[in-house]
Amino acid sequence: MPFFTVSSDVRGPALVVHADGELDYGHAPVFRSEMTRVWEAGTPSLVVINVTGLTFCDSAGVAELIWSLQRSRALGTRLILAGVHGTLERILAITGLRSAFEVSPTVEEAVQEIS
């Protein structure tokens, strides 16, 4: 069974969501559950989704990232993807979605932008 974990913590003004492993069809509901919990806990000014630890991301995973982006926009929250690389980077480039997301090399740099 592929590995996937998701957790979140607060860093200054940002809420950081860490996604590690394979964000695929089987794990998309776990990611959605964590993001729903994040949104229901309050409306942070910045949400950073740390994808540095993702080893794979399929169309279901990308759909969850798009859902998160739409939800953040509806709530007036800034959303940044940190550490985009590998499969996810290729998917975002090929589909033209790269320009839809704000991207930062690291969580630290994303948080510093608004500190």
PDB file of N, CA and C in Angstrom:
ATOM      1  N   MET A   1       0.854  -1.189   0.000  1.00  0.00           N
ATOM      2  CA  MET A   1       0.000   0.000   0.000  1.00  0.00           C
ATOM      3  C   MET A   1       0.893   1.243   0.000  1.00  0.00           C
ATOM      4  N   PRO A   2       0.642   2.175  -0.919  1.00  0.00           N
ATOM      5  CA  PRO A   2       1.432   3.397  -0.952  1.00  0.00           C
ATOM      6  C   PRO A   2       1.277   4.204   0.336  1.00  0.00           C
ATOM      7  N   PHE A   3       2.298   4.955   0.634  1.00  0.00           N
ATOM      8  CA  PHE A   3       2.380   5.733   1.861  1.00  0.00           C
ATOM      9  C   PHE A   3       1.876   7.154   1.618  1.00  0.00           C
ATOM     10  N   PHE A   4       1.075   7.678   2.544  1.00  0.00           N
ATOM     11  CA  PHE A   4       0.671   9.075   2.487  1.00  0.00           C
ATOM     12  C   PHE A   4       0.318   9.558   3.888  1.00  0.00           C
ATOM     13  N   THR A   5       0.857  10.716   4.270  1.00  0.00           N
ATOM     14  CA  THR A   5       0.461  11.347   5.528  1.00  0.00           C
ATOM     15  C   THR A   5       0.223  12.818   5.263  1.00  0.00           C
ATOM     16  N   VAL A   6      -0.639  13.392   6.064  1.00  0.00           N
ATOM     17  CA  VAL A   6      -0.903  14.825   5.986  1.00  0.00           C
ATOM     18  C   VAL A   6      -1.097  15.332   7.405  1.00  0.00           C
ATOM     19  N   SER A   7      -0.491  16.478   7.683  1.00  0.00           N
ATOM     20  CA  SER A   7      -0.619  17.088   9.009  1.00  0.00           C
ATOM     21  C   SER A   7      -0.514  18.592   8.833  1.00  0.00           C
ATOM     22  N   SER A   8      -0.830  19.323   9.887  1.00  0.00           N
ATOM     23  CA  SER A   8      -0.715  20.774   9.783  1.00  0.00           C
ATOM     24  C   SER A   8      -0.205  21.363  11.083  1.00  0.00           C
ATOM     25  N   ASP A   9       0.430  22.515  10.968  1.00  0.00           N
ATOM     26  CA  ASP A   9       0.898  23.245  12.144  1.00  0.00           C
ATOM     27  C   ASP A   9       0.903  24.730  11.821  1.00  0.00           C
ATOM     28  N   VAL A  10       1.024  25.534  12.851  1.00  0.00           N
ATOM     29  CA  VAL A  10       1.017  26.982  12.695  1.00  0.00           C
ATOM     30  C   VAL A  10       2.449  27.498  12.751  1.00  0.00           C
ATOM     31  N   ARG A  11       2.795  28.349  11.793  1.00  0.00           N
ATOM     32  CA  ARG A  11       4.107  29.010  11.785  1.00  0.00           C
ATOM     33  C   ARG A  11       3.862  30.500  11.607  1.00  0.00           C
ATOM     34  N   GLY A  12       3.942  31.215  12.692  1.00  0.00           N
ATOM     35  CA  GLY A  12       3.673  32.653  12.634  1.00  0.00           C
ATOM     36  C   GLY A  12       2.260  32.896  12.155  1.00  0.00           C
ATOM     37  N   PRO A  13       2.123  33.699  11.104  1.00  0.00           N
ATOM     38  CA  PRO A  13       0.794  34.024  10.596  1.00  0.00           C
ATOM     39  C   PRO A  13       0.222  32.964   9.646  1.00  0.00           C
ATOM     40  N   ALA A  14       0.992  31.912   9.399  1.00  0.00           N
ATOM     41  CA  ALA A  14       0.590  30.917   8.403  1.00  0.00           C
ATOM     42  C   ALA A  14       0.173  29.599   9.028  1.00  0.00           C
ATOM     43  N   LEU A  15      -0.733  28.919   8.341  1.00  0.00           N
ATOM     44  CA  LEU A  15      -1.062  27.551   8.677  1.00  0.00           C
ATOM     45  C   LEU A  15      -0.407  26.696   7.596  1.00  0.00           C
ATOM     46  N   VAL A  16       0.464  25.793   8.000  1.00  0.00           N
ATOM     47  CA  VAL A  16       1.220  24.982   7.050  1.00  0.00           C
ATOM     48  C   VAL A  16       0.674  23.558   7.055  1.00  0.00           C
ATOM     49  N   VAL A  17       0.324  23.083   5.876  1.00  0.00           N
ATOM     50  CA  VAL A  17      -0.168  21.721   5.698  1.00  0.00           C
ATOM     51  C   VAL A  17       0.950  20.933   5.022  1.00  0.00           C
ATOM     52  N   HIS A  18       1.358  19.831   5.661  1.00  0.00           N
ATOM     53  CA  HIS A  18       2.444  18.998   5.128  1.00  0.00           C
ATOM     54  C   HIS A  18       1.845  17.745   4.494  1.00  0.00           C
ATOM     55  N   ALA A  19       2.090  17.564   3.207  1.00  0.00           N
ATOM     56  CA  ALA A  19       1.627  16.372   2.494  1.00  0.00           C
ATOM     57  C   ALA A  19       2.854  15.557   2.092  1.00  0.00           C
ATOM     58  N   ASP A  20       2.918  14.322   2.552  1.00  0.00           N
ATOM     59  CA  ASP A  20       4.078  13.463   2.279  1.00  0.00           C
ATOM     60  C   ASP A  20       3.635  12.127   1.708  1.00  0.00           C
ATOM     61  N   GLY A  21       4.364  11.661   0.694  1.00  0.00           N
ATOM     62  CA  GLY A  21       4.066  10.368   0.094  1.00  0.00           C
ATOM     63  C   GLY A  21       3.327  10.535  -1.218  1.00  0.00           C
ATOM     64  N   GLU A  22       2.347   9.662  -1.452  1.00  0.00           N
ATOM     65  CA  GLU A  22       1.633   9.639  -2.724  1.00  0.00           C
ATOM     66  C   GLU A  22       0.241  10.240  -2.582  1.00  0.00           C
ATOM     67  N   LEU A  23       0.065  11.422  -3.171  1.00  0.00           N
ATOM     68  CA  LEU A  23      -1.251  12.063  -3.188  1.00  0.00           C
ATOM     69  C   LEU A  23      -1.956  11.595  -4.451  1.00  0.00           C
ATOM     70  N   ASP A  24      -2.702  10.508  -4.299  1.00  0.00           N
ATOM     71  CA  ASP A  24      -3.357   9.886  -5.438  1.00  0.00           C
ATOM     72  C   ASP A  24      -4.833   9.645  -5.120  1.00  0.00           C
ATOM     73  N   TYR A  25      -5.505   8.951  -6.020  1.00  0.00           N
ATOM     74  CA  TYR A  25      -6.932   8.690  -5.881  1.00  0.00           C
ATOM     75  C   TYR A  25      -7.268   8.061  -4.525  1.00  0.00           C
ATOM     76  N   GLY A  26      -6.454   7.146  -4.082  1.00  0.00           N
ATOM     77  CA  GLY A  26      -6.709   6.455  -2.818  1.00  0.00           C
ATOM     78  C   GLY A  26      -6.514   7.328  -1.594  1.00  0.00           C
ATOM     79  N   HIS A  27      -5.642   8.342  -1.706  1.00  0.00           N
ATOM     80  CA  HIS A  27      -5.336   9.195  -0.555  1.00  0.00           C
ATOM     81  C   HIS A  27      -5.963  10.584  -0.621  1.00  0.00           C
ATOM     82  N   ALA A  28      -6.584  10.917  -1.751  1.00  0.00           N
ATOM     83  CA  ALA A  28      -7.218  12.231  -1.900  1.00  0.00           C
ATOM     84  C   ALA A  28      -8.224  12.517  -0.781  1.00  0.00           C
ATOM     85  N   PRO A  29      -9.042  11.539  -0.355  1.00  0.00           N
ATOM     86  CA  PRO A  29      -9.992  11.826   0.736  1.00  0.00           C
ATOM     87  C   PRO A  29      -9.303  12.191   2.055  1.00  0.00           C
ATOM     88  N   VAL A  30      -8.125  11.642   2.308  1.00  0.00           N
ATOM     89  CA  VAL A  30      -7.379  11.965   3.527  1.00  0.00           C
ATOM     90  C   VAL A  30      -6.920  13.424   3.460  1.00  0.00           C
ATOM     91  N   PHE A  31      -6.428  13.830   2.298  1.00  0.00           N
ATOM     92  CA  PHE A  31      -6.002  15.215   2.100  1.00  0.00           C
ATOM     93  C   PHE A  31      -7.199  16.156   2.231  1.00  0.00           C
ATOM     94  N   ARG A  32      -8.320  15.797   1.604  1.00  0.00           N
ATOM     95  CA  ARG A  32      -9.529  16.641   1.664  1.00  0.00           C
ATOM     96  C   ARG A  32     -10.000  16.797   3.104  1.00  0.00           C
ATOM     97  N   SER A  33      -9.932  15.726   3.857  1.00  0.00           N
ATOM     98  CA  SER A  33     -10.356  15.771   5.262  1.00  0.00           C
ATOM     99  C   SER A  33      -9.504  16.757   6.065  1.00  0.00           C
ATOM    100  N   GLU A  34      -8.181  16.721   5.863  1.00  0.00           N
ATOM    101  CA  GLU A  34      -7.285  17.636   6.581  1.00  0.00           C
ATOM    102  C   GLU A  34      -7.532  19.081   6.151  1.00  0.00           C
ATOM    103  N   MET A  35      -7.691  19.303   4.854  1.00  0.00           N
ATOM    104  CA  MET A  35      -7.933  20.665   4.372  1.00  0.00           C
ATOM    105  C   MET A  35      -9.277  21.185   4.876  1.00  0.00           C
ATOM    106  N   THR A  36     -10.277  20.340   4.933  1.00  0.00           N
ATOM    107  CA  THR A  36     -11.583  20.744   5.463  1.00  0.00           C
ATOM    108  C   THR A  36     -11.443  21.138   6.925  1.00  0.00           C
ATOM    109  N   ARG A  37     -10.670  20.373   7.679  1.00  0.00           N
ATOM    110  CA  ARG A  37     -10.424  20.687   9.087  1.00  0.00           C
ATOM    111  C   ARG A  37      -9.724  22.044   9.215  1.00  0.00           C
ATOM    112  N   VAL A  38      -8.759  22.298   8.331  1.00  0.00           N
ATOM    113  CA  VAL A  38      -8.037  23.578   8.321  1.00  0.00           C
ATOM    114  C   VAL A  38      -9.014  24.730   8.102  1.00  0.00           C
ATOM    115  N   TRP A  39      -9.876  24.604   7.103  1.00  0.00           N
ATOM    116  CA  TRP A  39     -10.812  25.682   6.783  1.00  0.00           C
ATOM    117  C   TRP A  39     -11.830  25.876   7.899  1.00  0.00           C
ATOM    118  N   GLU A  40     -12.265  24.776   8.519  1.00  0.00           N
ATOM    119  CA  GLU A  40     -13.283  24.872   9.564  1.00  0.00           C
ATOM    120  C   GLU A  40     -12.717  25.395  10.883  1.00  0.00           C
ATOM    121  N   ALA A  41     -11.398  25.325  11.052  1.00  0.00           N
ATOM    122  CA  ALA A  41     -10.770  25.791  12.295  1.00  0.00           C
ATOM    123  C   ALA A  41     -10.682  27.312  12.349  1.00  0.00           C
ATOM    124  N   GLY A  42     -10.956  27.970  11.261  1.00  0.00           N
ATOM    125  CA  GLY A  42     -10.842  29.428  11.190  1.00  0.00           C
ATOM    126  C   GLY A  42     -10.276  29.807   9.846  1.00  0.00           C
ATOM    127  N   THR A  43     -10.206  31.078   9.576  1.00  0.00           N
ATOM    128  CA  THR A  43      -9.710  31.503   8.282  1.00  0.00           C
ATOM    129  C   THR A  43      -8.352  32.177   8.459  1.00  0.00           C
ATOM    130  N   PRO A  44      -7.272  31.402   8.262  1.00  0.00           N
ATOM    131  CA  PRO A  44      -5.936  31.996   8.371  1.00  0.00           C
ATOM    132  C   PRO A  44      -5.691  32.957   7.208  1.00  0.00           C
ATOM    133  N   SER A  45      -4.773  33.883   7.385  1.00  0.00           N
ATOM    134  CA  SER A  45      -4.464  34.807   6.289  1.00  0.00           C
ATOM    135  C   SER A  45      -3.620  34.127   5.217  1.00  0.00           C
ATOM    136  N   LEU A  46      -2.903  33.070   5.610  1.00  0.00           N
ATOM    137  CA  LEU A  46      -2.063  32.340   4.655  1.00  0.00           C
ATOM    138  C   LEU A  46      -2.096  30.860   4.961  1.00  0.00           C
ATOM    139  N   VAL A  47      -2.306  30.062   3.918  1.00  0.00           N
ATOM    140  CA  VAL A  47      -2.164  28.609   4.016  1.00  0.00           C
ATOM    141  C   VAL A  47      -1.043  28.216   3.063  1.00  0.00           C
ATOM    142  N   VAL A  48      -0.059  27.499   3.596  1.00  0.00           N
ATOM    143  CA  VAL A  48       1.041  26.985   2.787  1.00  0.00           C
ATOM    144  C   VAL A  48       0.885  25.471   2.734  1.00  0.00           C
ATOM    145  N   ILE A  49       0.778  24.926   1.542  1.00  0.00           N
ATOM    146  CA  ILE A  49       0.745  23.470   1.389  1.00  0.00           C
ATOM    147  C   ILE A  49       2.153  23.039   1.016  1.00  0.00           C
ATOM    148  N   ASN A  50       2.797  22.339   1.954  1.00  0.00           N
ATOM    149  CA  ASN A  50       4.162  21.879   1.766  1.00  0.00           C
ATOM    150  C   ASN A  50       4.137  20.547   1.011  1.00  0.00           C
ATOM    151  N   VAL A  51       4.517  20.579  -0.264  1.00  0.00           N
ATOM    152  CA  VAL A  51       4.504  19.377  -1.090  1.00  0.00           C
ATOM    153  C   VAL A  51       5.907  18.820  -1.313  1.00  0.00           C
ATOM    154  N   THR A  52       6.868  19.307  -0.543  1.00  0.00           N
ATOM    155  CA  THR A  52       8.253  18.854  -0.667  1.00  0.00           C
ATOM    156  C   THR A  52       8.356  17.339  -0.530  1.00  0.00           C
ATOM    157  N   GLY A  53       7.558  16.764   0.363  1.00  0.00           N
ATOM    158  CA  GLY A  53       7.630  15.330   0.631  1.00  0.00           C
ATOM    159  C   GLY A  53       6.771  14.468  -0.269  1.00  0.00           C
ATOM    160  N   LEU A  54       6.106  15.074  -1.261  1.00  0.00           N
ATOM    161  CA  LEU A  54       5.311  14.252  -2.180  1.00  0.00           C
ATOM    162  C   LEU A  54       6.230  13.462  -3.100  1.00  0.00           C
ATOM    163  N   THR A  55       5.960  12.171  -3.202  1.00  0.00           N
ATOM    164  CA  THR A  55       6.719  11.332  -4.122  1.00  0.00           C
ATOM    165  C   THR A  55       5.939  11.059  -5.400  1.00  0.00           C
ATOM    166  N   PHE A  56       4.626  11.354  -5.363  1.00  0.00           N
ATOM    167  CA  PHE A  56       3.764  11.124  -6.526  1.00  0.00           C
ATOM    168  C   PHE A  56       2.492  11.942  -6.360  1.00  0.00           C
ATOM    169  N   CYS A  57       1.951  12.398  -7.472  1.00  0.00           N
ATOM    170  CA  CYS A  57       0.676  13.121  -7.449  1.00  0.00           C
ATOM    171  C   CYS A  57      -0.030  12.839  -8.769  1.00  0.00           C
ATOM    172  N   ASP A  58      -1.243  12.275  -8.702  1.00  0.00           N
ATOM    173  CA  ASP A  58      -1.991  12.011  -9.931  1.00  0.00           C
ATOM    174  C   ASP A  58      -3.088  13.050 -10.111  1.00  0.00           C
ATOM    175  N   SER A  59      -3.968  12.829 -11.064  1.00  0.00           N
ATOM    176  CA  SER A  59      -5.012  13.809 -11.364  1.00  0.00           C
ATOM    177  C   SER A  59      -5.949  14.035 -10.181  1.00  0.00           C
ATOM    178  N   ALA A  60      -6.190  13.014  -9.381  1.00  0.00           N
ATOM    179  CA  ALA A  60      -7.041  13.181  -8.195  1.00  0.00           C
ATOM    180  C   ALA A  60      -6.350  14.095  -7.177  1.00  0.00           C
ATOM    181  N   GLY A  61      -5.048  13.952  -7.038  1.00  0.00           N
ATOM    182  CA  GLY A  61      -4.292  14.817  -6.139  1.00  0.00           C
ATOM    183  C   GLY A  61      -4.292  16.256  -6.623  1.00  0.00           C
ATOM    184  N   VAL A  62      -4.118  16.441  -7.933  1.00  0.00           N
ATOM    185  CA  VAL A  62      -4.160  17.789  -8.503  1.00  0.00           C
ATOM    186  C   VAL A  62      -5.545  18.390  -8.306  1.00  0.00           C
ATOM    187  N   ALA A  63      -6.580  17.587  -8.468  1.00  0.00           N
ATOM    188  CA  ALA A  63      -7.954  18.070  -8.257  1.00  0.00           C
ATOM    189  C   ALA A  63      -8.130  18.575  -6.823  1.00  0.00           C
ATOM    190  N   GLU A  64      -7.522  17.894  -5.863  1.00  0.00           N
ATOM    191  CA  GLU A  64      -7.611  18.339  -4.467  1.00  0.00           C
ATOM    192  C   GLU A  64      -6.878  19.661  -4.259  1.00  0.00           C
ATOM    193  N   LEU A  65      -5.750  19.829  -4.923  1.00  0.00           N
ATOM    194  CA  LEU A  65      -5.026  21.104  -4.829  1.00  0.00           C
ATOM    195  C   LEU A  65      -5.843  22.234  -5.450  1.00  0.00           C
ATOM    196  N   ILE A  66      -6.505  21.945  -6.569  1.00  0.00           N
ATOM    197  CA  ILE A  66      -7.369  22.950  -7.207  1.00  0.00           C
ATOM    198  C   ILE A  66      -8.537  23.287  -6.288  1.00  0.00           C
ATOM    199  N   TRP A  67      -9.136  22.270  -5.676  1.00  0.00           N
ATOM    200  CA  TRP A  67     -10.234  22.498  -4.728  1.00  0.00           C
ATOM    201  C   TRP A  67      -9.762  23.385  -3.577  1.00  0.00           C
ATOM    202  N   SER A  68      -8.557  23.113  -3.080  1.00  0.00           N
ATOM    203  CA  SER A  68      -7.999  23.919  -1.987  1.00  0.00           C
ATOM    204  C   SER A  68      -7.798  25.364  -2.429  1.00  0.00           C
ATOM    205  N   LEU A  69      -7.318  25.558  -3.650  1.00  0.00           N
ATOM    206  CA  LEU A  69      -7.114  26.899  -4.179  1.00  0.00           C
ATOM    207  C   LEU A  69      -8.453  27.633  -4.300  1.00  0.00           C
ATOM    208  N   GLN A  70      -9.452  26.961  -4.827  1.00  0.00           N
ATOM    209  CA  GLN A  70     -10.780  27.574  -4.966  1.00  0.00           C
ATOM    210  C   GLN A  70     -11.365  27.931  -3.603  1.00  0.00           C
ATOM    211  N   ARG A  71     -11.195  27.038  -2.644  1.00  0.00           N
ATOM    212  CA  ARG A  71     -11.721  27.287  -1.293  1.00  0.00           C
ATOM    213  C   ARG A  71     -10.996  28.478  -0.656  1.00  0.00           C
ATOM    214  N   SER A  72      -9.681  28.542  -0.835  1.00  0.00           N
ATOM    215  CA  SER A  72      -8.926  29.652  -0.253  1.00  0.00           C
ATOM    216  C   SER A  72      -9.354  30.980  -0.868  1.00  0.00           C
ATOM    217  N   ARG A  73      -9.552  30.998  -2.167  1.00  0.00           N
ATOM    218  CA  ARG A  73      -9.989  32.229  -2.838  1.00  0.00           C
ATOM    219  C   ARG A  73     -11.371  32.655  -2.343  1.00  0.00           C
ATOM    220  N   ALA A  74     -12.260  31.690  -2.170  1.00  0.00           N
ATOM    221  CA  ALA A  74     -13.614  31.997  -1.693  1.00  0.00           C
ATOM    222  C   ALA A  74     -13.580  32.588  -0.284  1.00  0.00           C
ATOM    223  N   LEU A  75     -12.598  32.181   0.515  1.00  0.00           N
ATOM    224  CA  LEU A  75     -12.485  32.651   1.891  1.00  0.00           C
ATOM    225  C   LEU A  75     -11.573  33.867   2.033  1.00  0.00           C
ATOM    226  N   GLY A  76     -10.949  34.274   0.939  1.00  0.00           N
ATOM    227  CA  GLY A  76     -10.038  35.416   1.000  1.00  0.00           C
ATOM    228  C   GLY A  76      -8.710  35.087   1.659  1.00  0.00           C
ATOM    229  N   THR A  77      -8.307  33.827   1.581  1.00  0.00           N
ATOM    230  CA  THR A  77      -7.049  33.360   2.157  1.00  0.00           C
ATOM    231  C   THR A  77      -6.022  33.159   1.049  1.00  0.00           C
ATOM    232  N   ARG A  78      -4.804  33.592   1.306  1.00  0.00           N
ATOM    233  CA  ARG A  78      -3.714  33.373   0.351  1.00  0.00           C
ATOM    234  C   ARG A  78      -3.240  31.929   0.481  1.00  0.00           C
ATOM    235  N   LEU A  79      -3.035  31.244  -0.655  1.00  0.00           N
ATOM    236  CA  LEU A  79      -2.563  29.863  -0.645  1.00  0.00           C
ATOM    237  C   LEU A  79      -1.285  29.782  -1.468  1.00  0.00           C
ATOM    238  N   ILE A  80      -0.268  29.175  -0.880  1.00  0.00           N
ATOM    239  CA  ILE A  80       1.018  29.003  -1.556  1.00  0.00           C
ATOM    240  C   ILE A  80       1.405  27.527  -1.516  1.00  0.00           C
ATOM    241  N   LEU A  81       1.848  27.004  -2.643  1.00  0.00           N
ATOM    242  CA  LEU A  81       2.427  25.659  -2.682  1.00  0.00           C
ATOM    243  C   LEU A  81       3.923  25.806  -2.466  1.00  0.00           C
ATOM    244  N   ALA A  82       4.468  25.084  -1.515  1.00  0.00           N
ATOM    245  CA  ALA A  82       5.903  25.151  -1.235  1.00  0.00           C
ATOM    246  C   ALA A  82       6.576  23.841  -1.626  1.00  0.00           C
ATOM    247  N   GLY A  83       7.707  23.961  -2.316  1.00  0.00           N
ATOM    248  CA  GLY A  83       8.511  22.791  -2.646  1.00  0.00           C
ATOM    249  C   GLY A  83       7.990  21.973  -3.806  1.00  0.00           C
ATOM    250  N   VAL A  84       7.331  22.599  -4.774  1.00  0.00           N
ATOM    251  CA  VAL A  84       6.813  21.865  -5.934  1.00  0.00           C
ATOM    252  C   VAL A  84       7.983  21.276  -6.715  1.00  0.00           C
ATOM    253  N   HIS A  85       7.891  19.987  -7.027  1.00  0.00           N
ATOM    254  CA  HIS A  85       8.963  19.301  -7.752  1.00  0.00           C
ATOM    255  C   HIS A  85       8.405  18.057  -8.434  1.00  0.00           C
ATOM    256  N   GLY A  86       9.215  17.398  -9.206  1.00  0.00           N
ATOM    257  CA  GLY A  86       8.905  16.088  -9.770  1.00  0.00           C
ATOM    258  C   GLY A  86       7.607  16.032 -10.558  1.00  0.00           C
ATOM    259  N   THR A  87       6.821  14.974 -10.297  1.00  0.00           N
ATOM    260  CA  THR A  87       5.586  14.727 -11.027  1.00  0.00           C
ATOM    261  C   THR A  87       4.627  15.907 -10.939  1.00  0.00           C
ATOM    262  N   LEU A  88       4.469  16.452  -9.750  1.00  0.00           N
ATOM    263  CA  LEU A  88       3.540  17.572  -9.584  1.00  0.00           C
ATOM    264  C   LEU A  88       3.980  18.773 -10.419  1.00  0.00           C
ATOM    265  N   GLU A  89       5.262  19.061 -10.424  1.00  0.00           N
ATOM    266  CA  GLU A  89       5.777  20.178 -11.218  1.00  0.00           C
ATOM    267  C   GLU A  89       5.474  19.968 -12.703  1.00  0.00           C
ATOM    268  N   ARG A  90       5.676  18.741 -13.180  1.00  0.00           N
ATOM    269  CA  ARG A  90       5.406  18.438 -14.588  1.00  0.00           C
ATOM    270  C   ARG A  90       3.915  18.554 -14.904  1.00  0.00           C
ATOM    271  N   ILE A  91       3.071  18.028 -14.028  1.00  0.00           N
ATOM    272  CA  ILE A  91       1.623  18.097 -14.263  1.00  0.00           C
ATOM    273  C   ILE A  91       1.156  19.549 -14.322  1.00  0.00           C
ATOM    274  N   LEU A  92       1.608  20.367 -13.374  1.00  0.00           N
ATOM    275  CA  LEU A  92       1.189  21.772 -13.363  1.00  0.00           C
ATOM    276  C   LEU A  92       1.661  22.510 -14.617  1.00  0.00           C
ATOM    277  N   ALA A  93       2.870  22.188 -15.080  1.00  0.00           N
ATOM    278  CA  ALA A  93       3.407  22.831 -16.288  1.00  0.00           C
ATOM    279  C   ALA A  93       2.638  22.384 -17.536  1.00  0.00           C
ATOM    280  N   ILE A  94       2.433  21.089 -17.676  1.00  0.00           N
ATOM    281  CA  ILE A  94       1.775  20.535 -18.864  1.00  0.00           C
ATOM    282  C   ILE A  94       0.329  21.009 -18.980  1.00  0.00           C
ATOM    283  N   THR A  95      -0.367  21.072 -17.851  1.00  0.00           N
ATOM    284  CA  THR A  95      -1.786  21.444 -17.872  1.00  0.00           C
ATOM    285  C   THR A  95      -2.015  22.946 -17.905  1.00  0.00           C
ATOM    286  N   GLY A  96      -0.954  23.729 -17.725  1.00  0.00           N
ATOM    287  CA  GLY A  96      -1.105  25.174 -17.680  1.00  0.00           C
ATOM    288  C   GLY A  96      -1.578  25.684 -16.328  1.00  0.00           C
ATOM    289  N   LEU A  97      -1.632  24.802 -15.339  1.00  0.00           N
ATOM    290  CA  LEU A  97      -2.091  25.188 -14.007  1.00  0.00           C
ATOM    291  C   LEU A  97      -1.009  25.887 -13.190  1.00  0.00           C
ATOM    292  N   ARG A  98       0.221  25.834 -13.638  1.00  0.00           N
ATOM    293  CA  ARG A  98       1.324  26.445 -12.880  1.00  0.00           C
ATOM    294  C   ARG A  98       1.045  27.902 -12.566  1.00  0.00           C
ATOM    295  N   SER A  99       0.480  28.619 -13.520  1.00  0.00           N
ATOM    296  CA  SER A  99       0.224  30.047 -13.311  1.00  0.00           C
ATOM    297  C   SER A  99      -0.948  30.308 -12.367  1.00  0.00           C
ATOM    298  N   ALA A 100      -1.767  29.302 -12.112  1.00  0.00           N
ATOM    299  CA  ALA A 100      -2.914  29.470 -11.205  1.00  0.00           C
ATOM    300  C   ALA A 100      -2.473  29.478  -9.745  1.00  0.00           C
ATOM    301  N   PHE A 101      -1.371  28.803  -9.469  1.00  0.00           N
ATOM    302  CA  PHE A 101      -0.893  28.667  -8.093  1.00  0.00           C
ATOM    303  C   PHE A 101       0.256  29.614  -7.802  1.00  0.00           C
ATOM    304  N   GLU A 102       0.265  30.141  -6.586  1.00  0.00           N
ATOM    305  CA  GLU A 102       1.429  30.864  -6.103  1.00  0.00           C
ATOM    306  C   GLU A 102       2.376  29.801  -5.551  1.00  0.00           C
ATOM    307  N   VAL A 103       3.636  29.847  -5.960  1.00  0.00           N
ATOM    308  CA  VAL A 103       4.601  28.813  -5.593  1.00  0.00           C
ATOM    309  C   VAL A 103       5.807  29.451  -4.916  1.00  0.00           C
ATOM    310  N   SER A 104       6.326  28.750  -3.910  1.00  0.00           N
ATOM    311  CA  SER A 104       7.534  29.190  -3.211  1.00  0.00           C
ATOM    312  C   SER A 104       8.473  27.990  -3.105  1.00  0.00           C
ATOM    313  N   PRO A 105       9.787  28.224  -3.153  1.00  0.00           N
ATOM    314  CA  PRO A 105      10.728  27.101  -3.053  1.00  0.00           C
ATOM    315  C   PRO A 105      10.622  26.343  -1.726  1.00  0.00           C
ATOM    316  N   THR A 106      10.390  27.078  -0.621  1.00  0.00           N
ATOM    317  CA  THR A 106      10.344  26.440   0.701  1.00  0.00           C
ATOM    318  C   THR A 106       9.221  27.047   1.541  1.00  0.00           C
ATOM    319  N   VAL A 107       8.844  26.325   2.584  1.00  0.00           N
ATOM    320  CA  VAL A 107       7.856  26.828   3.539  1.00  0.00           C
ATOM    321  C   VAL A 107       8.365  28.105   4.195  1.00  0.00           C
ATOM    322  N   GLU A 108       9.636  28.097   4.566  1.00  0.00           N
ATOM    323  CA  GLU A 108      10.222  29.247   5.250  1.00  0.00           C
ATOM    324  C   GLU A 108      10.111  30.511   4.390  1.00  0.00           C
ATOM    325  N   GLU A 109      10.407  30.391   3.099  1.00  0.00           N
ATOM    326  CA  GLU A 109      10.326  31.547   2.202  1.00  0.00           C
ATOM    327  C   GLU A 109       8.879  31.997   2.021  1.00  0.00           C
ATOM    328  N   ALA A 110       7.949  31.052   1.970  1.00  0.00           N
ATOM    329  CA  ALA A 110       6.534  31.397   1.829  1.00  0.00           C
ATOM    330  C   ALA A 110       6.049  32.177   3.047  1.00  0.00           C
ATOM    331  N   VAL A 111       6.436  31.731   4.237  1.00  0.00           N
ATOM    332  CA  VAL A 111       6.019  32.392   5.473  1.00  0.00           C
ATOM    333  C   VAL A 111       6.680  33.760   5.595  1.00  0.00           C
ATOM    334  N   GLN A 112       7.932  33.872   5.197  1.00  0.00           N
ATOM    335  CA  GLN A 112       8.660  35.152   5.278  1.00  0.00           C
ATOM    336  C   GLN A 112       8.025  36.220   4.401  1.00  0.00           C
ATOM    337  N   GLU A 113       7.396  35.810   3.314  1.00  0.00           N
ATOM    338  CA  GLU A 113       6.805  36.773   2.392  1.00  0.00           C
ATOM    339  C   GLU A 113       5.745  37.632   3.068  1.00  0.00           C
ATOM    340  N   ILE A 114       5.065  37.100   4.087  1.00  0.00           N
ATOM    341  CA  ILE A 114       4.016  37.900   4.711  1.00  0.00           C
ATOM    342  C   ILE A 114       4.356  38.322   6.136  1.00  0.00           C
ATOM    343  N   SER A 115       5.479  37.849   6.646  1.00  0.00           N
ATOM    344  CA  SER A 115       5.856  38.196   8.021  1.00  0.00           C
ATOM    345  C   SER A 115       6.276  39.656   8.128  1.00  0.00           C
TER     346      SER A 115
END
